[in-house]
Every structure is written in structure tokens, then in C-alpha cells.
Amino acid sequence: MNEHSDELLSAVREIRDLVRLLAEPVVAERDRKLRAELRGIVGRSARSAKAVLMMDGSRTQRDIHRQAGINEGQLSTLVKQLKKCQLLTANDNPTLAISVPHNFFETGEENA
């Protein structure tokens, strides 16, 4: 890419991030029930939380296992529970069906 394209791409990414920030309260309200289920499934496990936040469709289950440091069996069970509650999409790689902020499991708020 040339310099102009790089600048344009950077500006578009900044706009996207700002829109996400502004939309977060509306998204949280819409997804309140699903987010509560997600918190219930993950519980207080930091490794499960890290694994869930990595479920963006770009990583295989094995990649998530390695990068999050979560036990393979625990991850497999987590994925099955998320699928059962329709919190994962039907992609080859684990992909959350709802969006959550990067600090979702840190806040402890029900509607965060």
C-alpha cells in the first residue's frame, strides 16, 4: 500500500473504534441476557475469560488453548457450553456471537 492508503486505513480504524465506543451502551442493553449467560459460563476463571476474548474467528481452538494457557479439556467444555447457549456462531473457528469490550470480565458489572 502507498502512504495515502495507509493514512486512510488508519483514519477508518479510528472512526470504527469511536463508533464502537459510542455504541457500547446500546449493544450492552441489547445483549444483556446473553452477556449474563456468558459471565455465568466463564465464572471467575481468568484463563477462560482470556480464551473467550480470543474467540474472534481468527484462531483455532488449538491456538486459543496455547495462547490463553487454558487446559484443552476445559476449553473444549467451554466451547460446548457457549455453543449450547448460542453464544458462538457456526464458524470453523470459535467466534463469539455477541460483542464484548476487552475489559468485560474485569468490570464485574452486569450490563457492562
PDB file of N, CA and C in Angstrom:
ATOM      1  N   MET A   1       0.836  -1.185   0.000  1.00  0.00           N
ATOM      2  CA  MET A   1       0.000   0.000   0.000  1.00  0.00           C
ATOM      3  C   MET A   1       0.876   1.242   0.000  1.00  0.00           C
ATOM      4  N   ASN A   2       0.330   2.299  -0.565  1.00  0.00           N
ATOM      5  CA  ASN A   2       1.095   3.541  -0.532  1.00  0.00           C
ATOM      6  C   ASN A   2       0.770   4.315   0.742  1.00  0.00           C
ATOM      7  N   GLU A   3       1.480   5.395   0.945  1.00  0.00           N
ATOM      8  CA  GLU A   3       1.351   6.174   2.181  1.00  0.00           C
ATOM      9  C   GLU A   3      -0.062   6.708   2.359  1.00  0.00           C
ATOM     10  N   HIS A   4      -0.680   7.175   1.280  1.00  0.00           N
ATOM     11  CA  HIS A   4      -2.041   7.715   1.359  1.00  0.00           C
ATOM     12  C   HIS A   4      -3.031   6.634   1.809  1.00  0.00           C
ATOM     13  N   SER A   5      -2.896   5.446   1.268  1.00  0.00           N
ATOM     14  CA  SER A   5      -3.781   4.340   1.637  1.00  0.00           C
ATOM     15  C   SER A   5      -3.607   3.971   3.107  1.00  0.00           C
ATOM     16  N   ASP A   6      -2.381   3.978   3.579  1.00  0.00           N
ATOM     17  CA  ASP A   6      -2.103   3.675   4.979  1.00  0.00           C
ATOM     18  C   ASP A   6      -2.756   4.694   5.906  1.00  0.00           C
ATOM     19  N   GLU A   7      -2.660   5.967   5.537  1.00  0.00           N
ATOM     20  CA  GLU A   7      -3.281   7.023   6.339  1.00  0.00           C
ATOM     21  C   GLU A   7      -4.795   6.880   6.349  1.00  0.00           C
ATOM     22  N   LEU A   8      -5.364   6.580   5.200  1.00  0.00           N
ATOM     23  CA  LEU A   8      -6.808   6.409   5.085  1.00  0.00           C
ATOM     24  C   LEU A   8      -7.275   5.213   5.914  1.00  0.00           C
ATOM     25  N   LEU A   9      -6.568   4.121   5.840  1.00  0.00           N
ATOM     26  CA  LEU A   9      -6.908   2.937   6.611  1.00  0.00           C
ATOM     27  C   LEU A   9      -6.828   3.217   8.107  1.00  0.00           C
ATOM     28  N   SER A  10      -5.821   3.941   8.513  1.00  0.00           N
ATOM     29  CA  SER A  10      -5.665   4.308   9.917  1.00  0.00           C
ATOM     30  C   SER A  10      -6.832   5.174  10.385  1.00  0.00           C
ATOM     31  N   ALA A  11      -7.235   6.128   9.573  1.00  0.00           N
ATOM     32  CA  ALA A  11      -8.366   7.001   9.925  1.00  0.00           C
ATOM     33  C   ALA A  11      -9.659   6.207  10.022  1.00  0.00           C
ATOM     34  N   VAL A  12      -9.871   5.290   9.109  1.00  0.00           N
ATOM     35  CA  VAL A  12     -11.081   4.457   9.135  1.00  0.00           C
ATOM     36  C   VAL A  12     -11.102   3.603  10.401  1.00  0.00           C
ATOM     37  N   ARG A  13      -9.976   3.061  10.786  1.00  0.00           N
ATOM     38  CA  ARG A  13      -9.906   2.254  12.015  1.00  0.00           C
ATOM     39  C   ARG A  13     -10.222   3.099  13.248  1.00  0.00           C
ATOM     40  N   GLU A  14      -9.727   4.336  13.280  1.00  0.00           N
ATOM     41  CA  GLU A  14     -10.017   5.234  14.398  1.00  0.00           C
ATOM     42  C   GLU A  14     -11.513   5.531  14.470  1.00  0.00           C
ATOM     43  N   ILE A  15     -12.134   5.768  13.327  1.00  0.00           N
ATOM     44  CA  ILE A  15     -13.577   6.030  13.276  1.00  0.00           C
ATOM     45  C   ILE A  15     -14.344   4.811  13.761  1.00  0.00           C
ATOM     46  N   ARG A  16     -13.942   3.634  13.310  1.00  0.00           N
ATOM     47  CA  ARG A  16     -14.590   2.398  13.750  1.00  0.00           C
ATOM     48  C   ARG A  16     -14.514   2.252  15.262  1.00  0.00           C
ATOM     49  N   ASP A  17     -13.355   2.504  15.833  1.00  0.00           N
ATOM     50  CA  ASP A  17     -13.179   2.390  17.282  1.00  0.00           C
ATOM     51  C   ASP A  17     -14.051   3.388  18.035  1.00  0.00           C
ATOM     52  N   LEU A  18     -14.177   4.588  17.509  1.00  0.00           N
ATOM     53  CA  LEU A  18     -15.039   5.597  18.141  1.00  0.00           C
ATOM     54  C   LEU A  18     -16.511   5.202  18.065  1.00  0.00           C
ATOM     55  N   VAL A  19     -16.929   4.663  16.940  1.00  0.00           N
ATOM     56  CA  VAL A  19     -18.322   4.216  16.793  1.00  0.00           C
ATOM     57  C   VAL A  19     -18.612   3.082  17.770  1.00  0.00           C
ATOM     58  N   ARG A  20     -17.691   2.153  17.906  1.00  0.00           N
ATOM     59  CA  ARG A  20     -17.867   1.059  18.868  1.00  0.00           C
ATOM     60  C   ARG A  20     -17.999   1.596  20.289  1.00  0.00           C
ATOM     61  N   LEU A  21     -17.179   2.568  20.636  1.00  0.00           N
ATOM     62  CA  LEU A  21     -17.226   3.165  21.963  1.00  0.00           C
ATOM     63  C   LEU A  21     -18.570   3.834  22.213  1.00  0.00           C
ATOM     64  N   LEU A  22     -19.055   4.565  21.241  1.00  0.00           N
ATOM     65  CA  LEU A  22     -20.347   5.242  21.375  1.00  0.00           C
ATOM     66  C   LEU A  22     -21.517   4.258  21.408  1.00  0.00           C
ATOM     67  N   ALA A  23     -21.413   3.174  20.687  1.00  0.00           N
ATOM     68  CA  ALA A  23     -22.498   2.203  20.595  1.00  0.00           C
ATOM     69  C   ALA A  23     -22.530   1.222  21.760  1.00  0.00           C
ATOM     70  N   GLU A  24     -21.477   1.139  22.536  1.00  0.00           N
ATOM     71  CA  GLU A  24     -21.374   0.123  23.585  1.00  0.00           C
ATOM     72  C   GLU A  24     -22.574   0.096  24.536  1.00  0.00           C
ATOM     73  N   PRO A  25     -23.079   1.219  25.057  1.00  0.00           N
ATOM     74  CA  PRO A  25     -24.235   1.146  25.957  1.00  0.00           C
ATOM     75  C   PRO A  25     -25.477   0.527  25.292  1.00  0.00           C
ATOM     76  N   VAL A  26     -25.712   0.829  24.040  1.00  0.00           N
ATOM     77  CA  VAL A  26     -26.855   0.273  23.315  1.00  0.00           C
ATOM     78  C   VAL A  26     -26.654  -1.220  23.085  1.00  0.00           C
ATOM     79  N   VAL A  27     -25.454  -1.601  22.715  1.00  0.00           N
ATOM     80  CA  VAL A  27     -25.136  -3.014  22.498  1.00  0.00           C
ATOM     81  C   VAL A  27     -25.283  -3.792  23.813  1.00  0.00           C
ATOM     82  N   ALA A  28     -24.812  -3.204  24.906  1.00  0.00           N
ATOM     83  CA  ALA A  28     -24.900  -3.869  26.207  1.00  0.00           C
ATOM     84  C   ALA A  28     -26.355  -4.123  26.588  1.00  0.00           C
ATOM     85  N   GLU A  29     -27.209  -3.153  26.357  1.00  0.00           N
ATOM     86  CA  GLU A  29     -28.633  -3.322  26.681  1.00  0.00           C
ATOM     87  C   GLU A  29     -29.250  -4.424  25.828  1.00  0.00           C
ATOM     88  N   ARG A  30     -28.947  -4.412  24.540  1.00  0.00           N
ATOM     89  CA  ARG A  30     -29.490  -5.413  23.627  1.00  0.00           C
ATOM     90  C   ARG A  30     -29.042  -6.826  24.016  1.00  0.00           C
ATOM     91  N   ASP A  31     -27.794  -6.954  24.420  1.00  0.00           N
ATOM     92  CA  ASP A  31     -27.207  -8.268  24.696  1.00  0.00           C
ATOM     93  C   ASP A  31     -27.165  -8.616  26.181  1.00  0.00           C
ATOM     94  N   ARG A  32     -27.931  -7.911  27.007  1.00  0.00           N
ATOM     95  CA  ARG A  32     -27.866  -8.097  28.461  1.00  0.00           C
ATOM     96  C   ARG A  32     -28.012  -9.562  28.880  1.00  0.00           C
ATOM     97  N   LYS A  33     -29.022 -10.246  28.386  1.00  0.00           N
ATOM     98  CA  LYS A  33     -29.258 -11.638  28.786  1.00  0.00           C
ATOM     99  C   LYS A  33     -28.103 -12.538  28.344  1.00  0.00           C
ATOM    100  N   LEU A  34     -27.650 -12.379  27.112  1.00  0.00           N
ATOM    101  CA  LEU A  34     -26.561 -13.210  26.611  1.00  0.00           C
ATOM    102  C   LEU A  34     -25.264 -12.926  27.363  1.00  0.00           C
ATOM    103  N   ARG A  35     -25.027 -11.669  27.693  1.00  0.00           N
ATOM    104  CA  ARG A  35     -23.825 -11.326  28.453  1.00  0.00           C
ATOM    105  C   ARG A  35     -23.872 -11.928  29.853  1.00  0.00           C
ATOM    106  N   ALA A  36     -25.053 -11.958  30.456  1.00  0.00           N
ATOM    107  CA  ALA A  36     -25.197 -12.575  31.777  1.00  0.00           C
ATOM    108  C   ALA A  36     -24.901 -14.068  31.689  1.00  0.00           C
ATOM    109  N   GLU A  37     -25.392 -14.721  30.629  1.00  0.00           N
ATOM    110  CA  GLU A  37     -25.100 -16.147  30.428  1.00  0.00           C
ATOM    111  C   GLU A  37     -23.601 -16.366  30.232  1.00  0.00           C
ATOM    112  N   LEU A  38     -22.974 -15.490  29.477  1.00  0.00           N
ATOM    113  CA  LEU A  38     -21.536 -15.593  29.228  1.00  0.00           C
ATOM    114  C   LEU A  38     -20.759 -15.487  30.538  1.00  0.00           C
ATOM    115  N   ARG A  39     -21.121 -14.528  31.366  1.00  0.00           N
ATOM    116  CA  ARG A  39     -20.460 -14.386  32.675  1.00  0.00           C
ATOM    117  C   ARG A  39     -20.661 -15.643  33.527  1.00  0.00           C
ATOM    118  N   GLY A  40     -21.865 -16.201  33.481  1.00  0.00           N
ATOM    119  CA  GLY A  40     -22.152 -17.404  34.254  1.00  0.00           C
ATOM    120  C   GLY A  40     -21.323 -18.597  33.810  1.00  0.00           C
ATOM    121  N   ILE A  41     -21.136 -18.738  32.523  1.00  0.00           N
ATOM    122  CA  ILE A  41     -20.355 -19.852  31.980  1.00  0.00           C
ATOM    123  C   ILE A  41     -18.877 -19.688  32.318  1.00  0.00           C
ATOM    124  N   VAL A  42     -18.351 -18.490  32.123  1.00  0.00           N
ATOM    125  CA  VAL A  42     -16.917 -18.246  32.348  1.00  0.00           C
ATOM    126  C   VAL A  42     -16.596 -18.243  33.837  1.00  0.00           C
ATOM    127  N   GLY A  43     -17.498 -17.717  34.640  1.00  0.00           N
ATOM    128  CA  GLY A  43     -17.252 -17.641  36.078  1.00  0.00           C
ATOM    129  C   GLY A  43     -16.094 -16.725  36.393  1.00  0.00           C
ATOM    130  N   ARG A  44     -15.259 -17.128  37.335  1.00  0.00           N
ATOM    131  CA  ARG A  44     -14.128 -16.288  37.757  1.00  0.00           C
ATOM    132  C   ARG A  44     -12.793 -16.738  37.178  1.00  0.00           C
ATOM    133  N   SER A  45     -12.843 -17.653  36.249  1.00  0.00           N
ATOM    134  CA  SER A  45     -11.619 -18.185  35.649  1.00  0.00           C
ATOM    135  C   SER A  45     -10.976 -17.166  34.706  1.00  0.00           C
ATOM    136  N   ALA A  46      -9.797 -16.712  35.072  1.00  0.00           N
ATOM    137  CA  ALA A  46      -9.076 -15.744  34.243  1.00  0.00           C
ATOM    138  C   ALA A  46      -8.686 -16.364  32.902  1.00  0.00           C
ATOM    139  N   ARG A  47      -8.341 -17.637  32.906  1.00  0.00           N
ATOM    140  CA  ARG A  47      -7.943 -18.292  31.649  1.00  0.00           C
ATOM    141  C   ARG A  47      -9.138 -18.477  30.730  1.00  0.00           C
ATOM    142  N   SER A  48     -10.289 -18.817  31.296  1.00  0.00           N
ATOM    143  CA  SER A  48     -11.499 -18.936  30.473  1.00  0.00           C
ATOM    144  C   SER A  48     -11.881 -17.581  29.896  1.00  0.00           C
ATOM    145  N   ALA A  49     -11.775 -16.543  30.711  1.00  0.00           N
ATOM    146  CA  ALA A  49     -12.085 -15.189  30.244  1.00  0.00           C
ATOM    147  C   ALA A  49     -11.155 -14.798  29.100  1.00  0.00           C
ATOM    148  N   LYS A  50      -9.874 -15.071  29.269  1.00  0.00           N
ATOM    149  CA  LYS A  50      -8.905 -14.748  28.224  1.00  0.00           C
ATOM    150  C   LYS A  50      -9.228 -15.531  26.948  1.00  0.00           C
ATOM    151  N   ALA A  51      -9.575 -16.803  27.103  1.00  0.00           N
ATOM    152  CA  ALA A  51      -9.906 -17.637  25.952  1.00  0.00           C
ATOM    153  C   ALA A  51     -11.127 -17.088  25.217  1.00  0.00           C
ATOM    154  N   VAL A  52     -12.164 -16.710  25.963  1.00  0.00           N
ATOM    155  CA  VAL A  52     -13.384 -16.189  25.342  1.00  0.00           C
ATOM    156  C   VAL A  52     -13.088 -14.908  24.569  1.00  0.00           C
ATOM    157  N   LEU A  53     -12.284 -14.040  25.141  1.00  0.00           N
ATOM    158  CA  LEU A  53     -11.957 -12.787  24.462  1.00  0.00           C
ATOM    159  C   LEU A  53     -11.143 -13.018  23.195  1.00  0.00           C
ATOM    160  N   MET A  54     -10.523 -14.181  23.076  1.00  0.00           N
ATOM    161  CA  MET A  54      -9.748 -14.510  21.880  1.00  0.00           C
ATOM    162  C   MET A  54     -10.615 -15.151  20.790  1.00  0.00           C
ATOM    163  N   MET A  55     -11.871 -15.431  21.104  1.00  0.00           N
ATOM    164  CA  MET A  55     -12.766 -16.109  20.165  1.00  0.00           C
ATOM    165  C   MET A  55     -13.355 -15.112  19.171  1.00  0.00           C
ATOM    166  N   ASP A  56     -12.517 -14.683  18.242  1.00  0.00           N
ATOM    167  CA  ASP A  56     -12.937 -13.714  17.237  1.00  0.00           C
ATOM    168  C   ASP A  56     -12.966 -14.317  15.832  1.00  0.00           C
ATOM    169  N   GLY A  57     -12.796 -15.626  15.757  1.00  0.00           N
ATOM    170  CA  GLY A  57     -12.828 -16.311  14.466  1.00  0.00           C
ATOM    171  C   GLY A  57     -11.489 -16.398  13.769  1.00  0.00           C
ATOM    172  N   SER A  58     -10.476 -15.714  14.296  1.00  0.00           N
ATOM    173  CA  SER A  58      -9.170 -15.722  13.638  1.00  0.00           C
ATOM    174  C   SER A  58      -8.254 -16.823  14.163  1.00  0.00           C
ATOM    175  N   ARG A  59      -8.666 -17.494  15.241  1.00  0.00           N
ATOM    176  CA  ARG A  59      -7.818 -18.525  15.854  1.00  0.00           C
ATOM    177  C   ARG A  59      -8.569 -19.851  15.945  1.00  0.00           C
ATOM    178  N   THR A  60      -7.822 -20.923  15.798  1.00  0.00           N
ATOM    179  CA  THR A  60      -8.401 -22.238  16.007  1.00  0.00           C
ATOM    180  C   THR A  60      -8.499 -22.492  17.515  1.00  0.00           C
ATOM    181  N   GLN A  61      -9.217 -23.524  17.860  1.00  0.00           N
ATOM    182  CA  GLN A  61      -9.320 -23.888  19.269  1.00  0.00           C
ATOM    183  C   GLN A  61      -7.936 -24.221  19.838  1.00  0.00           C
ATOM    184  N   ARG A  62      -7.117 -24.865  19.061  1.00  0.00           N
ATOM    185  CA  ARG A  62      -5.763 -25.207  19.493  1.00  0.00           C
ATOM    186  C   ARG A  62      -4.926 -23.937  19.739  1.00  0.00           C
ATOM    187  N   ASP A  63      -5.075 -22.945  18.857  1.00  0.00           N
ATOM    188  CA  ASP A  63      -4.360 -21.677  19.053  1.00  0.00           C
ATOM    189  C   ASP A  63      -4.791 -20.999  20.352  1.00  0.00           C
ATOM    190  N   ILE A  64      -6.089 -20.998  20.597  1.00  0.00           N
ATOM    191  CA  ILE A  64      -6.615 -20.381  21.818  1.00  0.00           C
ATOM    192  C   ILE A  64      -6.074 -21.118  23.040  1.00  0.00           C
ATOM    193  N   HIS A  65      -6.066 -22.427  22.984  1.00  0.00           N
ATOM    194  CA  HIS A  65      -5.529 -23.248  24.078  1.00  0.00           C
ATOM    195  C   HIS A  65      -4.095 -22.844  24.391  1.00  0.00           C
ATOM    196  N   ARG A  66      -3.290 -22.729  23.370  1.00  0.00           N
ATOM    197  CA  ARG A  66      -1.872 -22.393  23.562  1.00  0.00           C
ATOM    198  C   ARG A  66      -1.689 -20.961  24.066  1.00  0.00           C
ATOM    199  N   GLN A  67      -2.386 -20.020  23.462  1.00  0.00           N
ATOM    200  CA  GLN A  67      -2.176 -18.606  23.779  1.00  0.00           C
ATOM    201  C   GLN A  67      -2.805 -18.196  25.109  1.00  0.00           C
ATOM    202  N   ALA A  68      -3.918 -18.809  25.466  1.00  0.00           N
ATOM    203  CA  ALA A  68      -4.602 -18.444  26.713  1.00  0.00           C
ATOM    204  C   ALA A  68      -4.080 -19.248  27.900  1.00  0.00           C
ATOM    205  N   GLY A  69      -3.368 -20.336  27.608  1.00  0.00           N
ATOM    206  CA  GLY A  69      -2.854 -21.169  28.687  1.00  0.00           C
ATOM    207  C   GLY A  69      -3.935 -21.968  29.387  1.00  0.00           C
ATOM    208  N   ILE A  70      -5.023 -22.237  28.685  1.00  0.00           N
ATOM    209  CA  ILE A  70      -6.145 -22.983  29.250  1.00  0.00           C
ATOM    210  C   ILE A  70      -6.019 -24.457  28.885  1.00  0.00           C
ATOM    211  N   ASN A  71      -6.399 -25.324  29.778  1.00  0.00           N
ATOM    212  CA  ASN A  71      -6.385 -26.766  29.561  1.00  0.00           C
ATOM    213  C   ASN A  71      -7.281 -27.108  28.368  1.00  0.00           C
ATOM    214  N   GLU A  72      -6.830 -28.040  27.520  1.00  0.00           N
ATOM    215  CA  GLU A  72      -7.599 -28.416  26.325  1.00  0.00           C
ATOM    216  C   GLU A  72      -9.000 -28.913  26.657  1.00  0.00           C
ATOM    217  N   GLY A  73      -9.105 -29.737  27.684  1.00  0.00           N
ATOM    218  CA  GLY A  73     -10.410 -30.254  28.088  1.00  0.00           C
ATOM    219  C   GLY A  73     -11.325 -29.151  28.596  1.00  0.00           C
ATOM    220  N   GLN A  74     -10.749 -28.238  29.365  1.00  0.00           N
ATOM    221  CA  GLN A  74     -11.529 -27.115  29.883  1.00  0.00           C
ATOM    222  C   GLN A  74     -12.017 -26.232  28.734  1.00  0.00           C
ATOM    223  N   LEU A  75     -11.146 -26.001  27.753  1.00  0.00           N
ATOM    224  CA  LEU A  75     -11.525 -25.195  26.597  1.00  0.00           C
ATOM    225  C   LEU A  75     -12.613 -25.892  25.786  1.00  0.00           C
ATOM    226  N   SER A  76     -12.482 -27.182  25.592  1.00  0.00           N
ATOM    227  CA  SER A  76     -13.486 -27.937  24.846  1.00  0.00           C
ATOM    228  C   SER A  76     -14.848 -27.847  25.533  1.00  0.00           C
ATOM    229  N   THR A  77     -14.860 -27.998  26.848  1.00  0.00           N
ATOM    230  CA  THR A  77     -16.106 -27.885  27.608  1.00  0.00           C
ATOM    231  C   THR A  77     -16.675 -26.477  27.494  1.00  0.00           C
ATOM    232  N   LEU A  78     -15.812 -25.482  27.585  1.00  0.00           N
ATOM    233  CA  LEU A  78     -16.232 -24.083  27.470  1.00  0.00           C
ATOM    234  C   LEU A  78     -16.882 -23.838  26.108  1.00  0.00           C
ATOM    235  N   VAL A  79     -16.248 -24.306  25.045  1.00  0.00           N
ATOM    236  CA  VAL A  79     -16.784 -24.123  23.692  1.00  0.00           C
ATOM    237  C   VAL A  79     -18.145 -24.806  23.570  1.00  0.00           C
ATOM    238  N   LYS A  80     -18.284 -26.016  24.098  1.00  0.00           N
ATOM    239  CA  LYS A  80     -19.570 -26.728  24.041  1.00  0.00           C
ATOM    240  C   LYS A  80     -20.653 -25.959  24.774  1.00  0.00           C
ATOM    241  N   GLN A  81     -20.336 -25.416  25.951  1.00  0.00           N
ATOM    242  CA  GLN A  81     -21.320 -24.645  26.714  1.00  0.00           C
ATOM    243  C   GLN A  81     -21.720 -23.379  25.965  1.00  0.00           C
ATOM    244  N   LEU A  82     -20.756 -22.709  25.367  1.00  0.00           N
ATOM    245  CA  LEU A  82     -21.051 -21.492  24.622  1.00  0.00           C
ATOM    246  C   LEU A  82     -21.922 -21.789  23.402  1.00  0.00           C
ATOM    247  N   LYS A  83     -21.644 -22.892  22.723  1.00  0.00           N
ATOM    248  CA  LYS A  83     -22.463 -23.288  21.575  1.00  0.00           C
ATOM    249  C   LYS A  83     -23.883 -23.613  22.012  1.00  0.00           C
ATOM    250  N   LYS A  84     -24.009 -24.327  23.119  1.00  0.00           N
ATOM    251  CA  LYS A  84     -25.323 -24.722  23.631  1.00  0.00           C
ATOM    252  C   LYS A  84     -26.193 -23.504  23.931  1.00  0.00           C
ATOM    253  N   CYS A  85     -25.573 -22.439  24.414  1.00  0.00           N
ATOM    254  CA  CYS A  85     -26.297 -21.204  24.743  1.00  0.00           C
ATOM    255  C   CYS A  85     -26.340 -20.232  23.568  1.00  0.00           C
ATOM    256  N   GLN A  86     -25.908 -20.683  22.404  1.00  0.00           N
ATOM    257  CA  GLN A  86     -25.888 -19.884  21.177  1.00  0.00           C
ATOM    258  C   GLN A  86     -25.043 -18.614  21.326  1.00  0.00           C
ATOM    259  N   LEU A  87     -23.947 -18.750  22.060  1.00  0.00           N
ATOM    260  CA  LEU A  87     -23.019 -17.636  22.231  1.00  0.00           C
ATOM    261  C   LEU A  87     -21.859 -17.706  21.248  1.00  0.00           C
ATOM    262  N   LEU A  88     -21.812 -18.780  20.450  1.00  0.00           N
ATOM    263  CA  LEU A  88     -20.813 -18.904  19.385  1.00  0.00           C
ATOM    264  C   LEU A  88     -21.534 -19.030  18.057  1.00  0.00           C
ATOM    265  N   THR A  89     -20.952 -18.460  17.021  1.00  0.00           N
ATOM    266  CA  THR A  89     -21.519 -18.603  15.689  1.00  0.00           C
ATOM    267  C   THR A  89     -21.087 -19.938  15.104  1.00  0.00           C
ATOM    268  N   ALA A  90     -21.656 -20.292  13.984  1.00  0.00           N
ATOM    269  CA  ALA A  90     -21.383 -21.593  13.361  1.00  0.00           C
ATOM    270  C   ALA A  90     -20.186 -21.527  12.416  1.00  0.00           C
ATOM    271  N   ASN A  91     -19.105 -20.916  12.850  1.00  0.00           N
ATOM    272  CA  ASN A  91     -17.870 -20.854  12.061  1.00  0.00           C
ATOM    273  C   ASN A  91     -16.974 -22.026  12.417  1.00  0.00           C
ATOM    274  N   ASP A  92     -15.951 -22.271  11.583  1.00  0.00           N
ATOM    275  CA  ASP A  92     -14.984 -23.325  11.878  1.00  0.00           C
ATOM    276  C   ASP A  92     -14.200 -22.995  13.140  1.00  0.00           C
ATOM    277  N   ASN A  93     -13.783 -21.741  13.275  1.00  0.00           N
ATOM    278  CA  ASN A  93     -13.045 -21.297  14.456  1.00  0.00           C
ATOM    279  C   ASN A  93     -14.014 -20.646  15.439  1.00  0.00           C
ATOM    280  N   PRO A  94     -13.777 -20.820  16.749  1.00  0.00           N
ATOM    281  CA  PRO A  94     -14.678 -20.223  17.734  1.00  0.00           C
ATOM    282  C   PRO A  94     -14.822 -18.712  17.537  1.00  0.00           C
ATOM    283  N   THR A  95     -16.083 -18.271  17.418  1.00  0.00           N
ATOM    284  CA  THR A  95     -16.389 -16.867  17.193  1.00  0.00           C
ATOM    285  C   THR A  95     -17.572 -16.469  18.063  1.00  0.00           C
ATOM    286  N   LEU A  96     -17.350 -15.526  18.973  1.00  0.00           N
ATOM    287  CA  LEU A  96     -18.445 -15.062  19.823  1.00  0.00           C
ATOM    288  C   LEU A  96     -19.558 -14.476  18.974  1.00  0.00           C
ATOM    289  N   ALA A  97     -20.794 -14.768  19.360  1.00  0.00           N
ATOM    290  CA  ALA A  97     -21.956 -14.264  18.634  1.00  0.00           C
ATOM    291  C   ALA A  97     -22.329 -12.852  19.077  1.00  0.00           C
ATOM    292  N   ILE A  98     -21.778 -12.408  20.189  1.00  0.00           N
ATOM    293  CA  ILE A  98     -22.038 -11.055  20.682  1.00  0.00           C
ATOM    294  C   ILE A  98     -20.705 -10.341  20.851  1.00  0.00           C
ATOM    295  N   SER A  99     -20.758  -9.027  20.849  1.00  0.00           N
ATOM    296  CA  SER A  99     -19.520  -8.287  21.076  1.00  0.00           C
ATOM    297  C   SER A  99     -19.433  -7.912  22.547  1.00  0.00           C
ATOM    298  N   VAL A 100     -18.236  -7.986  23.075  1.00  0.00           N
ATOM    299  CA  VAL A 100     -17.985  -7.579  24.457  1.00  0.00           C
ATOM    300  C   VAL A 100     -16.715  -6.733  24.476  1.00  0.00           C
ATOM    301  N   PRO A 101     -16.666  -5.738  25.350  1.00  0.00           N
ATOM    302  CA  PRO A 101     -15.451  -4.930  25.436  1.00  0.00           C
ATOM    303  C   PRO A 101     -14.294  -5.744  26.004  1.00  0.00           C
ATOM    304  N   HIS A 102     -13.082  -5.310  25.737  1.00  0.00           N
ATOM    305  CA  HIS A 102     -11.894  -6.052  26.178  1.00  0.00           C
ATOM    306  C   HIS A 102     -11.816  -6.184  27.696  1.00  0.00           C
ATOM    307  N   ASN A 103     -12.481  -5.303  28.431  1.00  0.00           N
ATOM    308  CA  ASN A 103     -12.452  -5.372  29.900  1.00  0.00           C
ATOM    309  C   ASN A 103     -13.738  -5.960  30.476  1.00  0.00           C
ATOM    310  N   PHE A 104     -14.493  -6.657  29.683  1.00  0.00           N
ATOM    311  CA  PHE A 104     -15.796  -7.189  30.078  1.00  0.00           C
ATOM    312  C   PHE A 104     -15.740  -8.011  31.366  1.00  0.00           C
ATOM    313  N   PHE A 105     -14.770  -8.883  31.487  1.00  0.00           N
ATOM    314  CA  PHE A 105     -14.691  -9.756  32.665  1.00  0.00           C
ATOM    315  C   PHE A 105     -14.036  -9.075  33.849  1.00  0.00           C
ATOM    316  N   GLU A 106     -13.402  -7.955  33.640  1.00  0.00           N
ATOM    317  CA  GLU A 106     -12.755  -7.208  34.712  1.00  0.00           C
ATOM    318  C   GLU A 106     -13.726  -6.311  35.469  1.00  0.00           C
ATOM    319  N   THR A 107     -14.749  -5.821  34.768  1.00  0.00           N
ATOM    320  CA  THR A 107     -15.640  -4.820  35.352  1.00  0.00           C
ATOM    321  C   THR A 107     -16.565  -5.394  36.406  1.00  0.00           C
ATOM    322  N   GLY A 108     -17.059  -6.609  36.189  1.00  0.00           N
ATOM    323  CA  GLY A 108     -17.961  -7.216  37.155  1.00  0.00           C
ATOM    324  C   GLY A 108     -19.352  -6.611  37.137  1.00  0.00           C
ATOM    325  N   GLU A 109     -19.629  -5.695  36.199  1.00  0.00           N
ATOM    326  CA  GLU A 109     -20.952  -5.097  36.099  1.00  0.00           C
ATOM    327  C   GLU A 109     -21.821  -5.987  35.232  1.00  0.00           C
ATOM    328  N   GLU A 110     -23.088  -6.098  35.602  1.00  0.00           N
ATOM    329  CA  GLU A 110     -24.000  -6.947  34.838  1.00  0.00           C
ATOM    330  C   GLU A 110     -24.286  -6.404  33.449  1.00  0.00           C
ATOM    331  N   ASN A 111     -24.308  -5.103  33.292  1.00  0.00           N
ATOM    332  CA  ASN A 111     -24.630  -4.568  31.980  1.00  0.00           C
ATOM    333  C   ASN A 111     -23.423  -3.969  31.278  1.00  0.00           C
ATOM    334  N   ALA A 112     -22.251  -4.372  31.697  1.00  0.00           N
ATOM    335  CA  ALA A 112     -21.036  -3.868  31.035  1.00  0.00           C
ATOM    336  C   ALA A 112     -20.772  -4.648  29.784  1.00  0.00           C
TER     337      ALA A 112
END
